[in-house]
């Protein structure tokens, strides 16, 4: 099996794909998706040919938000907007000190917003629950006082509506096996599978921030979009908002990839008679496409440990938390010794020493 990684990326999660010489397909080690090389030779028409009516977002009518002030991070360049009464001191992306930029004008006014429903008290309980049972987490990695300093941020999102119409092709196989007194037999039949149809999508989200980790934002979904309301700057009170720096046209290819993967998944569910199914290719056209510019609530938590930065996020509407946490090398070594040491007595002594060291 080859370990060579090429430039293709998984259409489901965005991770690099690896060529599997044995199966002669591209595989994703991150989410186990599989693709025929042909799947990347067919043009995704939605990336280029979508005709926008722009719905509530009018590109030529750029109304801005009055009575706001803007901060700029001197480290990562993030531009953060909030109301005139909210004080922002640290960047939610990198934890660096923010600098006021009074010459910047108000941000582009969004079409809609989902207000925060998770407060700091709930945030504290959510983070504690996230830590629970993670015995290798460094002690005092993120203490209560640090959590209470965290400010929620409204992240800019483009919400796409569209009708996806087209077809998908797959390689299908059926396998049966049997034996006689002398041999074991395996018979594999190969099929070309074709599916066509259309699916309507509503509010496919793509964050409009270059600085934001796309995988992190995908992971804290879903939001309850029935709670979207007309934007009002009053919701900025006590919170921050990011100024989008990735336009809607730049975000459309990512939305198209998400839609394409969803269509492929749904089409493949109609081919259950095959033992295996690998996407070969297809063609989709996006019709009746429109977009909204919305702000969605997120708590971004940034911490450093062992010379590395760790980021995780909390959905400010549902409380869902995602992210990678560090492992204490000291705890890891002590737990390993405890489980490999011979005898209960020795293990108890080591764990007791570990408890003392980590107080």
Protein backbone atom coordinates (compact mmCIF):
# COMPACT_ATOMS: atom_id res chain seq x y z
CA UNK A 1 0.00 0.00 0.00
CA UNK A 2 1.44 3.34 -1.04
CA UNK A 3 2.06 6.17 1.42
CA UNK A 4 2.28 8.84 -1.27
CA UNK A 5 -0.09 11.77 -0.76
CA UNK A 6 -1.16 13.79 -3.78
CA UNK A 7 -2.66 17.26 -4.13
CA UNK A 8 -6.28 16.08 -4.19
CA UNK A 9 -8.42 16.82 -1.14
CA UNK A 10 -11.34 14.88 0.30
CA UNK A 11 -14.70 16.30 -0.78
CA UNK A 12 -16.20 15.37 2.58
CA UNK A 13 -13.70 16.79 5.08
CA UNK A 14 -11.01 18.59 3.05
CA UNK A 15 -8.12 16.36 4.21
CA UNK A 16 -5.43 15.28 1.71
CA UNK A 17 -6.16 12.06 -0.16
CA UNK A 18 -3.75 9.13 -0.45
CA UNK A 19 -3.43 6.80 -3.45
CA UNK A 20 -4.09 3.19 -2.47
CA UNK A 21 -2.23 1.11 -5.06
CA UNK A 22 -3.87 -2.14 -3.96
CA UNK A 23 -7.43 -0.90 -4.43
CA UNK A 24 -6.49 1.61 -7.17
CA UNK A 25 -8.54 4.36 -5.56
CA UNK A 26 -7.97 7.55 -3.60
CA UNK A 27 -8.67 7.17 0.12
CA UNK A 28 -9.06 9.65 2.97
CA UNK A 29 -7.34 8.51 6.16
CA UNK A 30 -9.27 11.14 8.11
CA UNK A 31 -12.90 10.16 7.37
CA UNK A 32 -12.45 6.90 5.36
CA UNK A 33 -14.04 8.32 2.17
CA UNK A 34 -12.98 6.68 -1.10
CA UNK A 35 -12.87 8.10 -4.63
CA UNK A 36 -12.08 6.97 -8.12
CA UNK A 37 -9.53 9.26 -9.82
CA UNK A 38 -12.24 10.00 -12.40
CA UNK A 39 -14.19 11.81 -9.69
CA UNK A 40 -11.78 14.73 -9.98
CA UNK A 41 -11.80 14.97 -13.77
CA UNK A 42 -15.38 16.18 -14.13
CA UNK A 43 -16.03 19.88 -13.80
CA UNK A 44 -18.20 20.95 -10.87
CA UNK A 45 -20.42 23.45 -12.66
CA UNK A 46 -21.66 24.95 -9.44
CA UNK A 47 -18.27 26.51 -8.82
CA UNK A 48 -18.38 28.61 -11.97
CA UNK A 49 -21.85 28.73 -13.46
CA UNK A 50 -24.11 29.52 -10.50
CA UNK A 51 -26.27 32.51 -11.36
CA UNK A 52 -26.97 34.44 -8.20
CA UNK A 53 -30.07 36.47 -7.57
CA UNK A 54 -28.28 37.47 -4.32
CA UNK A 55 -31.58 37.27 -2.40
CA UNK A 56 -31.29 39.47 0.73
CA UNK A 57 -27.61 40.22 0.12
CA UNK A 58 -27.21 42.98 -2.43
CA UNK A 59 -23.61 43.31 -3.55
CA UNK A 60 -24.12 46.87 -4.75
CA UNK A 61 -26.04 48.04 -1.68
CA UNK A 62 -23.47 47.87 1.07
CA UNK A 63 -25.22 49.32 4.09
CA UNK A 64 -22.88 49.53 7.07
CA UNK A 65 -23.47 49.38 10.81
CA UNK A 66 -23.41 52.73 12.57
CA UNK A 67 -22.32 53.40 16.15
CA UNK A 68 -19.76 50.61 16.21
CA UNK A 69 -16.04 50.62 16.85
CA UNK A 70 -13.34 48.43 15.37
CA UNK A 71 -10.30 46.76 16.89
CA UNK A 72 -7.40 45.30 14.97
CA UNK A 73 -5.08 42.55 16.16
CA UNK A 74 -1.44 43.48 15.64
CA UNK A 75 -0.51 39.80 15.59
CA UNK A 76 -2.92 38.01 13.20
CA UNK A 77 -4.57 41.03 11.58
CA UNK A 78 -8.13 40.20 12.66
CA UNK A 79 -10.57 43.12 12.53
CA UNK A 80 -13.13 42.87 15.31
CA UNK A 81 -16.28 44.99 15.50
CA UNK A 82 -18.44 45.69 18.55
CA UNK A 83 -20.79 48.32 19.93
CA UNK A 84 -19.55 51.57 21.44
CA UNK A 85 -19.90 50.37 25.06
CA UNK A 86 -18.20 46.95 24.84
CA UNK A 87 -14.50 46.91 25.65
CA UNK A 88 -12.36 44.39 23.79
CA UNK A 89 -8.83 43.72 25.03
CA UNK A 90 -7.71 40.40 23.51
CA UNK A 91 -8.05 38.86 20.08
CA UNK A 92 -10.43 35.85 20.11
CA UNK A 93 -8.31 34.17 17.43
CA UNK A 94 -4.80 34.38 18.90
CA UNK A 95 -5.27 35.90 22.39
CA UNK A 96 -3.05 38.84 21.47
CA UNK A 97 -3.72 42.41 22.64
CA UNK A 98 -6.12 44.33 20.38
CA UNK A 99 -5.47 47.88 19.17
CA UNK A 100 -8.23 50.39 18.47
CA UNK A 101 -8.59 51.38 14.81
CA UNK A 102 -10.88 54.42 14.94
CA UNK A 103 -10.33 55.31 11.29
CA UNK A 104 -12.06 52.12 10.11
CA UNK A 105 -15.72 52.51 9.24
CA UNK A 106 -18.57 50.32 10.37
CA UNK A 107 -18.78 46.75 9.11
CA UNK A 108 -21.08 45.61 6.32
CA UNK A 109 -24.54 45.14 7.77
CA UNK A 110 -25.59 41.46 7.89
CA UNK A 111 -28.99 40.23 6.73
CA UNK A 112 -29.58 38.12 9.83
CA UNK A 113 -28.18 37.00 13.16
CA UNK A 114 -28.60 34.20 15.70
CA UNK A 115 -28.13 35.72 19.18
CA UNK A 116 -26.07 34.06 21.90
CA UNK A 117 -28.14 31.86 24.22
CA UNK A 118 -25.20 30.32 26.14
CA UNK A 119 -23.93 32.67 28.87
CA UNK A 120 -20.59 32.55 30.69
CA UNK A 121 -21.97 30.50 33.56
CA UNK A 122 -23.18 27.84 31.13
CA UNK A 123 -19.90 28.11 29.21
CA UNK A 124 -17.98 27.24 32.38
CA UNK A 125 -20.08 24.11 32.93
CA UNK A 126 -19.71 23.09 29.28
CA UNK A 127 -15.91 23.34 29.45
CA UNK A 128 -15.83 21.41 32.75
CA UNK A 129 -17.92 18.69 31.15
CA UNK A 130 -15.54 18.63 28.19
CA UNK A 131 -12.61 18.07 30.56
CA UNK A 132 -14.38 15.38 32.59
CA UNK A 133 -12.84 11.95 32.22
CA UNK A 134 -9.78 13.24 30.33
CA UNK A 135 -7.21 12.07 32.88
CA UNK A 136 -4.18 13.02 30.78
CA UNK A 137 -5.14 16.68 30.50
CA UNK A 138 -2.51 18.97 32.07
CA UNK A 139 -3.51 20.34 35.45
CA UNK A 140 -4.89 23.89 35.36
CA UNK A 141 -4.67 23.89 31.55
CA UNK A 142 -7.51 26.38 31.43
CA UNK A 143 -8.68 27.67 34.79
CA UNK A 144 -12.03 29.20 35.65
CA UNK A 145 -10.76 32.79 35.62
CA UNK A 146 -9.46 32.35 32.07
CA UNK A 147 -12.83 31.03 30.88
CA UNK A 148 -14.68 33.97 32.42
CA UNK A 149 -12.45 36.37 30.44
CA UNK A 150 -13.45 34.82 27.11
CA UNK A 151 -15.72 36.97 24.98
CA UNK A 152 -18.14 35.47 22.52
CA UNK A 153 -17.72 36.42 18.89
CA UNK A 154 -20.23 36.58 16.07
CA UNK A 155 -18.60 34.77 13.16
CA UNK A 156 -19.56 35.86 9.61
CA UNK A 157 -21.24 33.13 7.57
CA UNK A 158 -22.61 32.90 4.06
CA UNK A 159 -25.79 30.80 3.98
CA UNK A 160 -26.45 29.35 0.53
CA UNK A 161 -29.80 28.17 -0.87
CA UNK A 162 -29.82 26.22 -4.13
CA UNK A 163 -31.35 23.42 -6.17
CA UNK A 164 -28.68 20.85 -7.13
CA UNK A 165 -29.56 18.98 -10.32
CA UNK A 166 -27.48 16.39 -12.13
CA UNK A 167 -26.08 12.88 -12.03
CA UNK A 168 -23.45 10.79 -10.23
CA UNK A 169 -21.54 7.70 -11.38
CA UNK A 170 -20.09 4.96 -9.18
CA UNK A 171 -18.09 1.75 -9.38
CA UNK A 172 -20.12 -1.00 -7.74
CA UNK A 173 -19.10 -4.53 -6.79
CA UNK A 174 -20.89 -7.71 -5.73
CA UNK A 175 -18.84 -10.47 -4.14
CA UNK A 176 -19.69 -14.06 -3.24
CA UNK A 177 -17.49 -16.86 -1.94
CA UNK A 178 -17.75 -20.65 -1.63
CA UNK A 179 -15.53 -23.68 -1.14
CA UNK A 180 -15.23 -27.25 -2.25
CA UNK A 181 -12.96 -30.03 -1.07
CA UNK A 182 -9.96 -28.63 -2.91
CA UNK A 183 -10.34 -24.85 -3.23
CA UNK A 184 -11.82 -21.67 -1.82
CA UNK A 185 -13.45 -19.45 -4.45
CA UNK A 186 -14.21 -15.73 -4.54
CA UNK A 187 -16.23 -14.21 -7.36
CA UNK A 188 -16.39 -10.43 -7.78
CA UNK A 189 -18.67 -8.76 -10.29
CA UNK A 190 -18.14 -5.14 -11.30
CA UNK A 191 -20.86 -2.66 -12.23
CA UNK A 192 -21.16 0.87 -13.53
CA UNK A 193 -23.84 2.56 -11.40
CA UNK A 194 -25.66 5.70 -12.54
CA UNK A 195 -27.98 7.90 -10.49
CA UNK A 196 -29.61 11.20 -11.40
CA UNK A 197 -32.01 13.59 -9.74
CA UNK A 198 -32.26 16.88 -7.91
CA UNK A 199 -32.08 18.00 -4.28
CA UNK A 200 -32.96 21.35 -2.74
CA UNK A 201 -30.64 22.79 -0.10
CA UNK A 202 -31.37 25.55 2.38
CA UNK A 203 -28.82 27.57 4.36
CA UNK A 204 -25.66 25.64 3.59
CA UNK A 205 -23.16 27.43 5.86
CA UNK A 206 -19.65 28.57 4.92
CA UNK A 207 -17.75 30.87 7.28
CA UNK A 208 -16.47 34.08 5.73
CA UNK A 209 -13.29 34.37 7.79
CA UNK A 210 -9.91 33.39 6.38
CA UNK A 211 -8.50 33.18 9.92
CA UNK A 212 -11.15 30.74 11.09
CA UNK A 213 -10.43 27.02 11.12
CA UNK A 214 -13.02 25.65 8.68
CA UNK A 215 -12.97 22.18 10.23
CA UNK A 216 -13.67 23.71 13.65
CA UNK A 217 -16.67 25.63 12.31
CA UNK A 218 -18.01 22.58 10.47
CA UNK A 219 -17.71 20.53 13.65
CA UNK A 220 -19.81 22.80 15.88
CA UNK A 221 -22.76 22.58 13.48
CA UNK A 222 -25.68 22.40 13.33
CA UNK A 223 -27.34 25.69 14.19
CA UNK A 224 -31.09 26.03 14.48
CA UNK A 225 -31.72 28.38 11.57
CA UNK A 226 -35.36 28.78 12.54
CA UNK A 227 -33.97 31.15 15.18
CA UNK A 228 -32.44 33.50 12.59
CA UNK A 229 -33.76 37.03 13.09
CA UNK A 230 -33.21 40.38 11.41
CA UNK A 231 -29.93 41.95 12.39
CA UNK A 232 -29.92 44.56 15.13
CA UNK A 233 -26.66 46.08 16.44
CA UNK A 234 -28.05 45.80 19.97
CA UNK A 235 -27.00 42.14 19.91
CA UNK A 236 -23.36 43.28 19.85
CA UNK A 237 -23.64 44.45 23.47
CA UNK A 238 -21.07 42.46 25.45
CA UNK A 239 -19.93 40.53 22.38
CA UNK A 240 -17.57 40.94 19.44
CA UNK A 241 -18.08 40.38 15.72
CA UNK A 242 -15.58 39.47 13.03
CA UNK A 243 -15.46 41.44 9.79
CA UNK A 244 -15.65 38.95 6.91
CA UNK A 245 -12.52 38.82 4.76
CA UNK A 246 -13.57 36.01 2.42
CA UNK A 247 -16.23 37.11 -0.05
CA UNK A 248 -19.28 35.17 -1.06
CA UNK A 249 -17.88 34.27 -4.48
CA UNK A 250 -14.71 32.91 -2.87
CA UNK A 251 -16.85 30.84 -0.50
CA UNK A 252 -19.08 29.38 -3.20
CA UNK A 253 -16.69 26.55 -4.23
CA UNK A 254 -16.61 25.25 -0.65
CA UNK A 255 -20.39 25.36 -0.45
CA UNK A 256 -20.57 23.50 -3.76
CA UNK A 257 -18.23 20.79 -2.48
CA UNK A 258 -20.39 20.30 0.61
CA UNK A 259 -23.53 20.12 -1.51
CA UNK A 260 -21.91 17.73 -3.98
CA UNK A 261 -20.85 15.37 -1.18
CA UNK A 262 -24.36 15.41 0.29
CA UNK A 263 -25.88 14.61 -3.11
CA UNK A 264 -23.42 11.77 -3.64
CA UNK A 265 -24.17 10.35 -0.19
CA UNK A 266 -27.92 10.44 -0.79
CA UNK A 267 -27.69 8.99 -4.29
CA UNK A 268 -25.45 6.17 -3.04
CA UNK A 269 -28.09 5.19 -0.45
CA UNK A 270 -30.31 4.09 -3.33
CA UNK A 271 -27.70 1.50 -4.43
CA UNK A 272 -27.77 -0.79 -1.39
CA UNK A 273 -27.74 -3.95 -3.54
CA UNK A 274 -23.97 -3.60 -4.04
CA UNK A 275 -21.34 -4.79 -1.57
CA UNK A 276 -19.15 -1.76 -2.24
CA UNK A 277 -19.67 1.54 -4.00
CA UNK A 278 -16.97 4.02 -4.98
CA UNK A 279 -17.73 7.39 -6.52
CA UNK A 280 -16.44 7.66 -10.08
CA UNK A 281 -17.61 11.12 -11.03
CA UNK A 282 -20.62 13.16 -11.93
CA UNK A 283 -21.95 16.54 -12.89
CA UNK A 284 -24.10 18.90 -10.87
CA UNK A 285 -25.58 22.25 -11.77
CA UNK A 286 -26.68 24.70 -9.10
CA UNK A 287 -30.00 26.38 -9.90
CA UNK A 288 -31.97 29.15 -8.19
CA UNK A 289 -28.98 29.96 -5.98
CA UNK A 290 -29.23 32.72 -3.41
CA UNK A 291 -27.27 33.70 -0.31
CA UNK A 292 -27.69 35.44 3.03
CA UNK A 293 -24.99 37.13 5.08
CA UNK A 294 -25.47 36.10 8.71
CA UNK A 295 -23.62 36.33 12.03
CA UNK A 296 -23.56 33.13 14.11
CA UNK A 297 -22.55 32.95 17.80
CA UNK A 298 -19.29 31.22 18.77
CA UNK A 299 -17.05 31.16 21.82
CA UNK A 300 -13.44 30.78 20.67
CA UNK A 301 -11.02 29.46 23.27
CA UNK A 302 -7.29 29.74 22.72
CA UNK A 303 -4.59 28.37 25.01
CA UNK A 304 -0.92 27.53 24.75
CA UNK A 305 0.76 24.50 26.28
CA UNK A 306 4.13 22.90 25.66
CA UNK A 307 5.00 25.39 22.94
CA UNK A 308 1.84 24.61 20.95
CA UNK A 309 -1.39 26.53 20.42
CA UNK A 310 -4.71 24.81 21.09
CA UNK A 311 -8.00 26.10 19.76
CA UNK A 312 -11.49 24.93 20.43
CA UNK A 313 -14.91 26.40 20.00
CA UNK A 314 -18.34 26.37 21.59
CA UNK A 315 -21.54 26.86 19.62
CA UNK A 316 -23.06 29.92 21.29
CA UNK A 317 -26.59 28.71 20.52
CA UNK A 318 -26.48 24.97 21.31
CA UNK A 319 -23.46 24.65 23.62
CA UNK A 320 -21.74 22.02 21.44
CA UNK A 321 -17.99 22.08 22.09
CA UNK A 322 -15.21 20.78 19.82
CA UNK A 323 -11.43 20.94 19.69
CA UNK A 324 -8.21 19.09 20.47
CA UNK A 325 -6.80 19.14 23.98
CA UNK A 326 -3.14 18.63 25.00
CA UNK A 327 -1.79 15.60 26.83
CA UNK A 328 0.49 15.96 29.84
CA UNK A 329 3.66 13.98 29.12
CA UNK A 330 4.23 13.53 32.84
CA UNK A 331 0.76 12.07 33.38
CA UNK A 332 1.09 9.93 30.28
CA UNK A 333 4.37 8.43 31.49
CA UNK A 334 3.07 7.82 35.00
CA UNK A 335 -0.12 6.18 33.78
CA UNK A 336 1.91 3.95 31.47
CA UNK A 337 4.14 2.89 34.34
CA UNK A 338 1.14 2.27 36.55
CA UNK A 339 -0.47 -0.07 34.03
CA UNK A 340 2.73 -1.92 33.14
CA UNK A 341 4.28 -2.23 36.60
CA UNK A 342 4.07 -5.68 38.09
CA UNK A 343 1.80 -6.00 41.13
CA UNK A 344 -0.94 -3.91 42.66
CA UNK A 345 1.38 -2.53 45.35
CA UNK A 346 3.85 -1.04 42.87
CA UNK A 347 1.02 0.46 40.79
CA UNK A 348 -0.53 2.05 43.87
CA UNK A 349 2.78 3.64 44.86
CA UNK A 350 3.32 5.08 41.38
CA UNK A 351 -0.20 6.50 41.25
CA UNK A 352 0.26 8.00 44.69
CA UNK A 353 3.49 9.67 43.56
CA UNK A 354 1.69 10.93 40.45
CA UNK A 355 -1.05 12.44 42.57
CA UNK A 356 1.50 14.27 44.72
CA UNK A 357 3.46 15.55 41.72
CA UNK A 358 0.33 16.87 40.02
CA UNK A 359 -1.18 18.70 42.99
